[in-house]
PDB file of all heavy atoms in Angstrom:
ATOM      1  N   ALA A   1      -4.755 -26.484  -3.812  1.00  0.00           N
ATOM      2  CA  ALA A   1      -6.054 -26.350  -4.469  1.00  0.00           C
ATOM      3  C   ALA A   1      -7.087 -27.259  -3.824  1.00  0.00           C
ATOM      4  O   ALA A   1      -8.265 -26.903  -3.665  1.00  0.00           O
ATOM      5  CB  ALA A   1      -5.903 -26.675  -5.956  1.00  0.00           C
ATOM      6  N   ASN A   2      -6.666 -28.476  -3.437  1.00  0.00           N
ATOM      7  CA  ASN A   2      -7.595 -29.414  -2.775  1.00  0.00           C
ATOM      8  C   ASN A   2      -8.044 -28.906  -1.416  1.00  0.00           C
ATOM      9  O   ASN A   2      -9.122 -29.296  -0.919  1.00  0.00           O
ATOM     10  CB  ASN A   2      -6.938 -30.781  -2.635  1.00  0.00           C
ATOM     11  CG  ASN A   2      -6.772 -31.484  -3.967  1.00  0.00           C
ATOM     12  OD1 ASN A   2      -7.527 -31.234  -4.902  1.00  0.00           O
ATOM     13  ND2 ASN A   2      -5.786 -32.371  -4.049  1.00  0.00           N
ATOM     14  N   CYS A   3      -7.224 -28.068  -0.805  1.00  0.00           N
ATOM     15  CA  CYS A   3      -7.596 -27.477   0.496  1.00  0.00           C
ATOM     16  C   CYS A   3      -8.544 -26.295   0.334  1.00  0.00           C
ATOM     17  O   CYS A   3      -8.913 -25.675   1.343  1.00  0.00           O
ATOM     18  CB  CYS A   3      -6.351 -27.072   1.249  1.00  0.00           C
ATOM     19  SG  CYS A   3      -5.345 -28.460   1.825  1.00  0.00           S
ATOM     20  N   GLY A   4      -8.882 -25.967  -0.891  1.00  0.00           N
ATOM     21  CA  GLY A   4      -9.849 -24.895  -1.127  1.00  0.00           C
ATOM     22  C   GLY A   4      -9.249 -23.566  -1.524  1.00  0.00           C
ATOM     23  O   GLY A   4      -9.980 -22.576  -1.658  1.00  0.00           O
ATOM     24  N   ALA A   5      -7.940 -23.521  -1.732  1.00  0.00           N
ATOM     25  CA  ALA A   5      -7.316 -22.253  -2.110  1.00  0.00           C
ATOM     26  C   ALA A   5      -7.637 -21.937  -3.569  1.00  0.00           C
ATOM     27  O   ALA A   5      -7.500 -22.787  -4.441  1.00  0.00           O
ATOM     28  CB  ALA A   5      -5.809 -22.327  -1.914  1.00  0.00           C
ATOM     29  N   PRO A   6      -8.093 -20.723  -3.858  1.00  0.00           N
ATOM     30  CA  PRO A   6      -8.343 -20.331  -5.255  1.00  0.00           C
ATOM     31  C   PRO A   6      -7.026 -20.241  -6.030  1.00  0.00           C
ATOM     32  O   PRO A   6      -5.951 -20.162  -5.434  1.00  0.00           O
ATOM     33  CB  PRO A   6      -9.027 -18.955  -5.129  1.00  0.00           C
ATOM     34  CG  PRO A   6      -8.600 -18.442  -3.801  1.00  0.00           C
ATOM     35  CD  PRO A   6      -8.411 -19.627  -2.904  1.00  0.00           C
ATOM     36  N   PRO A   7      -7.073 -20.232  -7.356  1.00  0.00           N
ATOM     37  CA  PRO A   7      -5.844 -20.226  -8.175  1.00  0.00           C
ATOM     38  C   PRO A   7      -4.901 -19.061  -7.840  1.00  0.00           C
ATOM     39  O   PRO A   7      -3.683 -19.255  -7.806  1.00  0.00           O
ATOM     40  CB  PRO A   7      -6.371 -20.122  -9.603  1.00  0.00           C
ATOM     41  CG  PRO A   7      -7.731 -20.752  -9.542  1.00  0.00           C
ATOM     42  CD  PRO A   7      -8.269 -20.381  -8.196  1.00  0.00           C
ATOM     43  N   LEU A   8      -5.479 -17.885  -7.599  1.00  0.00           N
ATOM     44  CA  LEU A   8      -4.623 -16.741  -7.305  1.00  0.00           C
ATOM     45  C   LEU A   8      -3.882 -16.930  -5.993  1.00  0.00           C
ATOM     46  O   LEU A   8      -2.692 -16.598  -5.875  1.00  0.00           O
ATOM     47  CB  LEU A   8      -5.458 -15.463  -7.269  1.00  0.00           C
ATOM     48  CG  LEU A   8      -4.679 -14.141  -7.319  1.00  0.00           C
ATOM     49  CD1 LEU A   8      -3.883 -14.049  -8.622  1.00  0.00           C
ATOM     50  CD2 LEU A   8      -5.626 -12.947  -7.192  1.00  0.00           C
ATOM     51  N   GLN A   9      -4.561 -17.478  -4.997  1.00  0.00           N
ATOM     52  CA  GLN A   9      -3.913 -17.731  -3.715  1.00  0.00           C
ATOM     53  C   GLN A   9      -2.849 -18.828  -3.840  1.00  0.00           C
ATOM     54  O   GLN A   9      -1.814 -18.747  -3.199  1.00  0.00           O
ATOM     55  CB  GLN A   9      -4.969 -18.122  -2.674  1.00  0.00           C
ATOM     56  CG  GLN A   9      -4.391 -18.294  -1.274  1.00  0.00           C
ATOM     57  CD  GLN A   9      -5.469 -18.621  -0.237  1.00  0.00           C
ATOM     58  OE1 GLN A   9      -6.648 -18.647  -0.554  1.00  0.00           O
ATOM     59  NE2 GLN A   9      -5.056 -18.870   1.000  1.00  0.00           N
ATOM     60  N   VAL A  10      -3.130 -19.852  -4.657  1.00  0.00           N
ATOM     61  CA  VAL A  10      -2.133 -20.891  -4.899  1.00  0.00           C
ATOM     62  C   VAL A  10      -0.868 -20.296  -5.512  1.00  0.00           C
ATOM     63  O   VAL A  10       0.244 -20.638  -5.135  1.00  0.00           O
ATOM     64  CB  VAL A  10      -2.708 -21.986  -5.817  1.00  0.00           C
ATOM     65  CG1 VAL A  10      -1.623 -22.981  -6.214  1.00  0.00           C
ATOM     66  CG2 VAL A  10      -3.856 -22.719  -5.126  1.00  0.00           C
ATOM     67  N   PHE A  11      -1.083 -19.370  -6.444  1.00  0.00           N
ATOM     68  CA  PHE A  11       0.072 -18.755  -7.105  1.00  0.00           C
ATOM     69  C   PHE A  11       0.930 -17.968  -6.098  1.00  0.00           C
ATOM     70  O   PHE A  11       2.147 -18.132  -6.059  1.00  0.00           O
ATOM     71  CB  PHE A  11      -0.397 -17.826  -8.224  1.00  0.00           C
ATOM     72  CG  PHE A  11       0.722 -17.073  -8.890  1.00  0.00           C
ATOM     73  CD1 PHE A  11       1.510 -17.693  -9.847  1.00  0.00           C
ATOM     74  CD2 PHE A  11       0.985 -15.755  -8.542  1.00  0.00           C
ATOM     75  CE1 PHE A  11       2.547 -17.014 -10.459  1.00  0.00           C
ATOM     76  CE2 PHE A  11       2.024 -15.062  -9.157  1.00  0.00           C
ATOM     77  CZ  PHE A  11       2.802 -15.688 -10.107  1.00  0.00           C
ATOM     78  N   PHE A  12       0.289 -17.133  -5.286  1.00  0.00           N
ATOM     79  CA  PHE A  12       1.051 -16.292  -4.368  1.00  0.00           C
ATOM     80  C   PHE A  12       1.548 -17.035  -3.128  1.00  0.00           C
ATOM     81  O   PHE A  12       2.537 -16.632  -2.523  1.00  0.00           O
ATOM     82  CB  PHE A  12       0.206 -15.092  -3.934  1.00  0.00           C
ATOM     83  CG  PHE A  12       0.074 -14.013  -4.977  1.00  0.00           C
ATOM     84  CD1 PHE A  12      -1.097 -13.852  -5.682  1.00  0.00           C
ATOM     85  CD2 PHE A  12       1.141 -13.185  -5.277  1.00  0.00           C
ATOM     86  CE1 PHE A  12      -1.226 -12.885  -6.649  1.00  0.00           C
ATOM     87  CE2 PHE A  12       1.033 -12.200  -6.247  1.00  0.00           C
ATOM     88  CZ  PHE A  12      -0.148 -12.047  -6.949  1.00  0.00           C
ATOM     89  N   SER A  13       0.891 -18.125  -2.770  1.00  0.00           N
ATOM     90  CA  SER A  13       1.269 -18.843  -1.568  1.00  0.00           C
ATOM     91  C   SER A  13       2.217 -20.009  -1.820  1.00  0.00           C
ATOM     92  O   SER A  13       3.023 -20.362  -0.938  1.00  0.00           O
ATOM     93  CB  SER A  13       0.021 -19.374  -0.848  1.00  0.00           C
ATOM     94  OG  SER A  13      -0.850 -18.336  -0.494  1.00  0.00           O
ATOM     95  N   VAL A  14       2.156 -20.603  -3.017  1.00  0.00           N
ATOM     96  CA  VAL A  14       2.950 -21.794  -3.299  1.00  0.00           C
ATOM     97  C   VAL A  14       3.909 -21.558  -4.471  1.00  0.00           C
ATOM     98  O   VAL A  14       5.131 -21.727  -4.332  1.00  0.00           O
ATOM     99  CB  VAL A  14       2.025 -23.005  -3.614  1.00  0.00           C
ATOM    100  CG1 VAL A  14       2.872 -24.234  -3.948  1.00  0.00           C
ATOM    101  CG2 VAL A  14       1.098 -23.289  -2.457  1.00  0.00           C
ATOM    102  N   THR A  15       3.363 -21.169  -5.609  1.00  0.00           N
ATOM    103  CA  THR A  15       4.179 -21.078  -6.828  1.00  0.00           C
ATOM    104  C   THR A  15       5.228 -19.987  -6.728  1.00  0.00           C
ATOM    105  O   THR A  15       6.424 -20.227  -6.974  1.00  0.00           O
ATOM    106  CB  THR A  15       3.286 -20.823  -8.055  1.00  0.00           C
ATOM    107  OG1 THR A  15       2.241 -21.794  -8.109  1.00  0.00           O
ATOM    108  CG2 THR A  15       4.116 -20.894  -9.333  1.00  0.00           C
ATOM    109  N   LEU A  16       4.797 -18.788  -6.386  1.00  0.00           N
ATOM    110  CA  LEU A  16       5.730 -17.661  -6.363  1.00  0.00           C
ATOM    111  C   LEU A  16       6.848 -17.847  -5.346  1.00  0.00           C
ATOM    112  O   LEU A  16       8.020 -17.599  -5.668  1.00  0.00           O
ATOM    113  CB  LEU A  16       4.968 -16.358  -6.103  1.00  0.00           C
ATOM    114  CG  LEU A  16       5.798 -15.070  -6.226  1.00  0.00           C
ATOM    115  CD1 LEU A  16       6.417 -14.950  -7.610  1.00  0.00           C
ATOM    116  CD2 LEU A  16       4.919 -13.853  -5.923  1.00  0.00           C
ATOM    117  N   PRO A  17       6.563 -18.281  -4.090  1.00  0.00           N
ATOM    118  CA  PRO A  17       7.685 -18.525  -3.167  1.00  0.00           C
ATOM    119  C   PRO A  17       8.660 -19.574  -3.681  1.00  0.00           C
ATOM    120  O   PRO A  17       9.872 -19.488  -3.432  1.00  0.00           O
ATOM    121  CB  PRO A  17       6.977 -18.978  -1.885  1.00  0.00           C
ATOM    122  CG  PRO A  17       5.622 -18.374  -1.964  1.00  0.00           C
ATOM    123  CD  PRO A  17       5.260 -18.410  -3.408  1.00  0.00           C
ATOM    124  N   ALA A  18       8.158 -20.569  -4.419  1.00  0.00           N
ATOM    125  CA  ALA A  18       9.033 -21.635  -4.901  1.00  0.00           C
ATOM    126  C   ALA A  18       9.979 -21.126  -5.982  1.00  0.00           C
ATOM    127  O   ALA A  18      11.127 -21.590  -6.078  1.00  0.00           O
ATOM    128  CB  ALA A  18       8.188 -22.791  -5.446  1.00  0.00           C
ATOM    129  N   VAL A  19       9.528 -20.185  -6.807  1.00  0.00           N
ATOM    130  CA  VAL A  19      10.378 -19.669  -7.890  1.00  0.00           C
ATOM    131  C   VAL A  19      11.082 -18.386  -7.500  1.00  0.00           C
ATOM    132  O   VAL A  19      11.766 -17.778  -8.334  1.00  0.00           O
ATOM    133  CB  VAL A  19       9.551 -19.457  -9.182  1.00  0.00           C
ATOM    134  CG1 VAL A  19       8.899 -20.746  -9.620  1.00  0.00           C
ATOM    135  CG2 VAL A  19       8.514 -18.360  -8.992  1.00  0.00           C
ATOM    136  N   MET A  20      10.913 -17.937  -6.231  1.00  0.00           N
ATOM    137  CA  MET A  20      11.505 -16.673  -5.819  1.00  0.00           C
ATOM    138  C   MET A  20      13.029 -16.613  -6.006  1.00  0.00           C
ATOM    139  O   MET A  20      13.556 -15.550  -6.368  1.00  0.00           O
ATOM    140  CB  MET A  20      11.139 -16.390  -4.361  1.00  0.00           C
ATOM    141  CG  MET A  20      11.534 -14.979  -3.908  1.00  0.00           C
ATOM    142  SD  MET A  20      10.811 -13.668  -4.907  1.00  0.00           S
ATOM    143  CE  MET A  20       9.064 -13.903  -4.555  1.00  0.00           C
ATOM    144  N   PRO A  21      13.792 -17.704  -5.772  1.00  0.00           N
ATOM    145  CA  PRO A  21      15.226 -17.608  -6.059  1.00  0.00           C
ATOM    146  C   PRO A  21      15.525 -17.230  -7.515  1.00  0.00           C
ATOM    147  O   PRO A  21      16.426 -16.430  -7.788  1.00  0.00           O
ATOM    148  CB  PRO A  21      15.733 -19.031  -5.741  1.00  0.00           C
ATOM    149  CG  PRO A  21      14.760 -19.535  -4.732  1.00  0.00           C
ATOM    150  CD  PRO A  21      13.435 -18.985  -5.120  1.00  0.00           C
ATOM    151  N   GLY A  22      14.763 -17.785  -8.453  1.00  0.00           N
ATOM    152  CA  GLY A  22      14.938 -17.417  -9.845  1.00  0.00           C
ATOM    153  C   GLY A  22      14.535 -15.978 -10.118  1.00  0.00           C
ATOM    154  O   GLY A  22      15.164 -15.292 -10.922  1.00  0.00           O
ATOM    155  N   VAL A  23      13.485 -15.512  -9.461  1.00  0.00           N
ATOM    156  CA  VAL A  23      13.044 -14.137  -9.640  1.00  0.00           C
ATOM    157  C   VAL A  23      14.118 -13.164  -9.146  1.00  0.00           C
ATOM    158  O   VAL A  23      14.439 -12.167  -9.800  1.00  0.00           O
ATOM    159  CB  VAL A  23      11.709 -13.896  -8.907  1.00  0.00           C
ATOM    160  CG1 VAL A  23      11.309 -12.427  -8.952  1.00  0.00           C
ATOM    161  CG2 VAL A  23      10.609 -14.751  -9.496  1.00  0.00           C
ATOM    162  N   ILE A  24      14.673 -13.455  -7.979  1.00  0.00           N
ATOM    163  CA  ILE A  24      15.727 -12.589  -7.427  1.00  0.00           C
ATOM    164  C   ILE A  24      16.955 -12.613  -8.328  1.00  0.00           C
ATOM    165  O   ILE A  24      17.551 -11.571  -8.617  1.00  0.00           O
ATOM    166  CB  ILE A  24      16.074 -13.023  -5.997  1.00  0.00           C
ATOM    167  CG1 ILE A  24      14.880 -12.835  -5.072  1.00  0.00           C
ATOM    168  CG2 ILE A  24      17.268 -12.234  -5.477  1.00  0.00           C
ATOM    169  CD1 ILE A  24      15.087 -13.363  -3.671  1.00  0.00           C
ATOM    170  N   THR A  25      17.332 -13.803  -8.782  1.00  0.00           N
ATOM    171  CA  THR A  25      18.488 -13.929  -9.657  1.00  0.00           C
ATOM    172  C   THR A  25      18.291 -13.148 -10.935  1.00  0.00           C
ATOM    173  O   THR A  25      19.163 -12.353 -11.350  1.00  0.00           O
ATOM    174  CB  THR A  25      18.739 -15.415  -9.998  1.00  0.00           C
ATOM    175  OG1 THR A  25      18.990 -16.135  -8.795  1.00  0.00           O
ATOM    176  CG2 THR A  25      19.947 -15.559 -10.927  1.00  0.00           C
ATOM    177  N   GLY A  26      17.144 -13.339 -11.592  1.00  0.00           N
ATOM    178  CA  GLY A  26      16.889 -12.625 -12.838  1.00  0.00           C
ATOM    179  C   GLY A  26      16.783 -11.129 -12.640  1.00  0.00           C
ATOM    180  O   GLY A  26      17.248 -10.353 -13.489  1.00  0.00           O
ATOM    181  N   SER A  27      16.198 -10.701 -11.530  1.00  0.00           N
ATOM    182  CA  SER A  27      16.054  -9.262 -11.277  1.00  0.00           C
ATOM    183  C   SER A  27      17.409  -8.580 -11.115  1.00  0.00           C
ATOM    184  O   SER A  27      17.658  -7.511 -11.710  1.00  0.00           O
ATOM    185  CB  SER A  27      15.212  -9.047 -10.022  1.00  0.00           C
ATOM    186  OG  SER A  27      13.926  -9.625 -10.158  1.00  0.00           O
ATOM    187  N   LEU A  28      18.287  -9.202 -10.343  1.00  0.00           N
ATOM    188  CA  LEU A  28      19.617  -8.610 -10.156  1.00  0.00           C
ATOM    189  C   LEU A  28      20.380  -8.599 -11.479  1.00  0.00           C
ATOM    190  O   LEU A  28      21.095  -7.633 -11.792  1.00  0.00           O
ATOM    191  CB  LEU A  28      20.385  -9.388  -9.102  1.00  0.00           C
ATOM    192  CG  LEU A  28      19.911  -9.195  -7.654  1.00  0.00           C
ATOM    193  CD1 LEU A  28      20.654 -10.141  -6.729  1.00  0.00           C
ATOM    194  CD2 LEU A  28      20.102  -7.767  -7.195  1.00  0.00           C
ATOM    195  N   LEU A  29      20.238  -9.662 -12.242  1.00  0.00           N
ATOM    196  CA  LEU A  29      20.925  -9.716 -13.527  1.00  0.00           C
ATOM    197  C   LEU A  29      20.406  -8.654 -14.497  1.00  0.00           C
ATOM    198  O   LEU A  29      21.186  -7.994 -15.182  1.00  0.00           O
ATOM    199  CB  LEU A  29      20.772 -11.106 -14.142  1.00  0.00           C
ATOM    200  CG  LEU A  29      21.588 -11.401 -15.396  1.00  0.00           C
ATOM    201  CD1 LEU A  29      23.078 -11.207 -15.126  1.00  0.00           C
ATOM    202  CD2 LEU A  29      21.325 -12.806 -15.897  1.00  0.00           C
ATOM    203  N   MET A  30      19.101  -8.487 -14.536  1.00  0.00           N
ATOM    204  CA  MET A  30      18.509  -7.463 -15.397  1.00  0.00           C
ATOM    205  C   MET A  30      18.959  -6.072 -14.977  1.00  0.00           C
ATOM    206  O   MET A  30      19.224  -5.197 -15.819  1.00  0.00           O
ATOM    207  CB  MET A  30      16.972  -7.545 -15.341  1.00  0.00           C
ATOM    208  CG  MET A  30      16.406  -8.811 -15.949  1.00  0.00           C
ATOM    209  SD  MET A  30      16.618  -8.929 -17.732  1.00  0.00           S
ATOM    210  CE  MET A  30      15.534  -7.642 -18.304  1.00  0.00           C
ATOM    211  N   PHE A  31      19.058  -5.846 -13.673  1.00  0.00           N
ATOM    212  CA  PHE A  31      19.514  -4.544 -13.186  1.00  0.00           C
ATOM    213  C   PHE A  31      20.947  -4.261 -13.615  1.00  0.00           C
ATOM    214  O   PHE A  31      21.267  -3.155 -14.057  1.00  0.00           O
ATOM    215  CB  PHE A  31      19.386  -4.504 -11.657  1.00  0.00           C
ATOM    216  CG  PHE A  31      19.635  -3.149 -11.063  1.00  0.00           C
ATOM    217  CD1 PHE A  31      18.597  -2.234 -10.966  1.00  0.00           C
ATOM    218  CD2 PHE A  31      20.896  -2.785 -10.604  1.00  0.00           C
ATOM    219  CE1 PHE A  31      18.823  -0.972 -10.417  1.00  0.00           C
ATOM    220  CE2 PHE A  31      21.122  -1.533 -10.062  1.00  0.00           C
ATOM    221  CZ  PHE A  31      20.087  -0.622  -9.971  1.00  0.00           C
ATOM    222  N   ILE A  32      21.809  -5.261 -13.485  1.00  0.00           N
ATOM    223  CA  ILE A  32      23.216  -5.079 -13.869  1.00  0.00           C
ATOM    224  C   ILE A  32      23.344  -4.825 -15.365  1.00  0.00           C
ATOM    225  O   ILE A  32      24.075  -3.929 -15.795  1.00  0.00           O
ATOM    226  CB  ILE A  32      24.041  -6.308 -13.455  1.00  0.00           C
ATOM    227  CG1 ILE A  32      24.083  -6.442 -11.933  1.00  0.00           C
ATOM    228  CG2 ILE A  32      25.462  -6.223 -14.008  1.00  0.00           C
ATOM    229  CD1 ILE A  32      24.748  -7.712 -11.459  1.00  0.00           C
ATOM    230  N   LEU A  33      22.618  -5.607 -16.167  1.00  0.00           N
ATOM    231  CA  LEU A  33      22.704  -5.448 -17.614  1.00  0.00           C
ATOM    232  C   LEU A  33      22.192  -4.082 -18.051  1.00  0.00           C
ATOM    233  O   LEU A  33      22.795  -3.439 -18.930  1.00  0.00           O
ATOM    234  CB  LEU A  33      21.891  -6.561 -18.299  1.00  0.00           C
ATOM    235  CG  LEU A  33      22.448  -7.976 -18.175  1.00  0.00           C
ATOM    236  CD1 LEU A  33      21.462  -8.986 -18.737  1.00  0.00           C
ATOM    237  CD2 LEU A  33      23.797  -8.093 -18.862  1.00  0.00           C
ATOM    238  N   ALA A  34      21.103  -3.608 -17.446  1.00  0.00           N
ATOM    239  CA  ALA A  34      20.582  -2.284 -17.797  1.00  0.00           C
ATOM    240  C   ALA A  34      21.522  -1.186 -17.312  1.00  0.00           C
ATOM    241  O   ALA A  34      21.664  -0.134 -17.962  1.00  0.00           O
ATOM    242  CB  ALA A  34      19.197  -2.093 -17.202  1.00  0.00           C
ATOM    243  N   LEU A  35      22.172  -1.419 -16.199  1.00  0.00           N
ATOM    244  CA  LEU A  35      23.087  -0.419 -15.661  1.00  0.00           C
ATOM    245  C   LEU A  35      24.262  -0.190 -16.598  1.00  0.00           C
ATOM    246  O   LEU A  35      24.777   0.926 -16.693  1.00  0.00           O
ATOM    247  CB  LEU A  35      23.584  -0.887 -14.286  1.00  0.00           C
ATOM    248  CG  LEU A  35      24.219   0.166 -13.355  1.00  0.00           C
ATOM    249  CD1 LEU A  35      23.171   1.153 -12.897  1.00  0.00           C
ATOM    250  CD2 LEU A  35      24.857  -0.523 -12.165  1.00  0.00           C
ATOM    251  N   ASN A  36      24.674  -1.233 -17.299  1.00  0.00           N
ATOM    252  CA  ASN A  36      25.837  -1.147 -18.167  1.00  0.00           C
ATOM    253  C   ASN A  36      25.492  -1.020 -19.647  1.00  0.00           C
ATOM    254  O   ASN A  36      26.401  -1.007 -20.470  1.00  0.00           O
ATOM    255  CB  ASN A  36      26.722  -2.388 -17.964  1.00  0.00           C
ATOM    256  CG  ASN A  36      27.336  -2.461 -16.592  1.00  0.00           C
ATOM    257  OD1 ASN A  36      28.350  -1.835 -16.319  1.00  0.00           O
ATOM    258  ND2 ASN A  36      26.726  -3.233 -15.708  1.00  0.00           N
ATOM    259  N   GLU A  37      24.205  -0.937 -19.963  1.00  0.00           N
ATOM    260  CA  GLU A  37      23.807  -0.869 -21.375  1.00  0.00           C
ATOM    261  C   GLU A  37      24.259   0.437 -22.008  1.00  0.00           C
ATOM    262  O   GLU A  37      23.993   1.518 -21.482  1.00  0.00           O
ATOM    263  CB  GLU A  37      22.276  -1.008 -21.491  1.00  0.00           C
ATOM    264  CG  GLU A  37      21.776  -0.992 -22.911  1.00  0.00           C
ATOM    265  CD  GLU A  37      22.422  -2.077 -23.771  1.00  0.00           C
ATOM    266  OE1 GLU A  37      22.350  -3.257 -23.376  1.00  0.00           O
ATOM    267  OE2 GLU A  37      23.025  -1.722 -24.781  1.00  0.00           O
ATOM    268  N   PHE A  38      24.940   0.334 -23.141  1.00  0.00           N
ATOM    269  CA  PHE A  38      25.477   1.527 -23.796  1.00  0.00           C
ATOM    270  C   PHE A  38      24.832   1.803 -25.133  1.00  0.00           C
ATOM    271  O   PHE A  38      24.317   2.895 -25.399  1.00  0.00           O
ATOM    272  CB  PHE A  38      26.985   1.379 -23.980  1.00  0.00           C
ATOM    273  CG  PHE A  38      27.576   2.291 -25.022  1.00  0.00           C
ATOM    274  CD1 PHE A  38      27.612   3.661 -24.817  1.00  0.00           C
ATOM    275  CD2 PHE A  38      28.021   1.788 -26.230  1.00  0.00           C
ATOM    276  CE1 PHE A  38      28.126   4.506 -25.778  1.00  0.00           C
ATOM    277  CE2 PHE A  38      28.533   2.623 -27.200  1.00  0.00           C
ATOM    278  CZ  PHE A  38      28.590   3.990 -26.988  1.00  0.00           C
TER     279      PHE A  38
END
């Protein structure tokens, strides 16, 4: 932000890459759970 990046750019350039392991983990887990939902 101090370098002039707007909030949206900070989110996509810094925040989202940092939490991407959790996003991938949750996505695969949600897919498996939905696949087996009865």
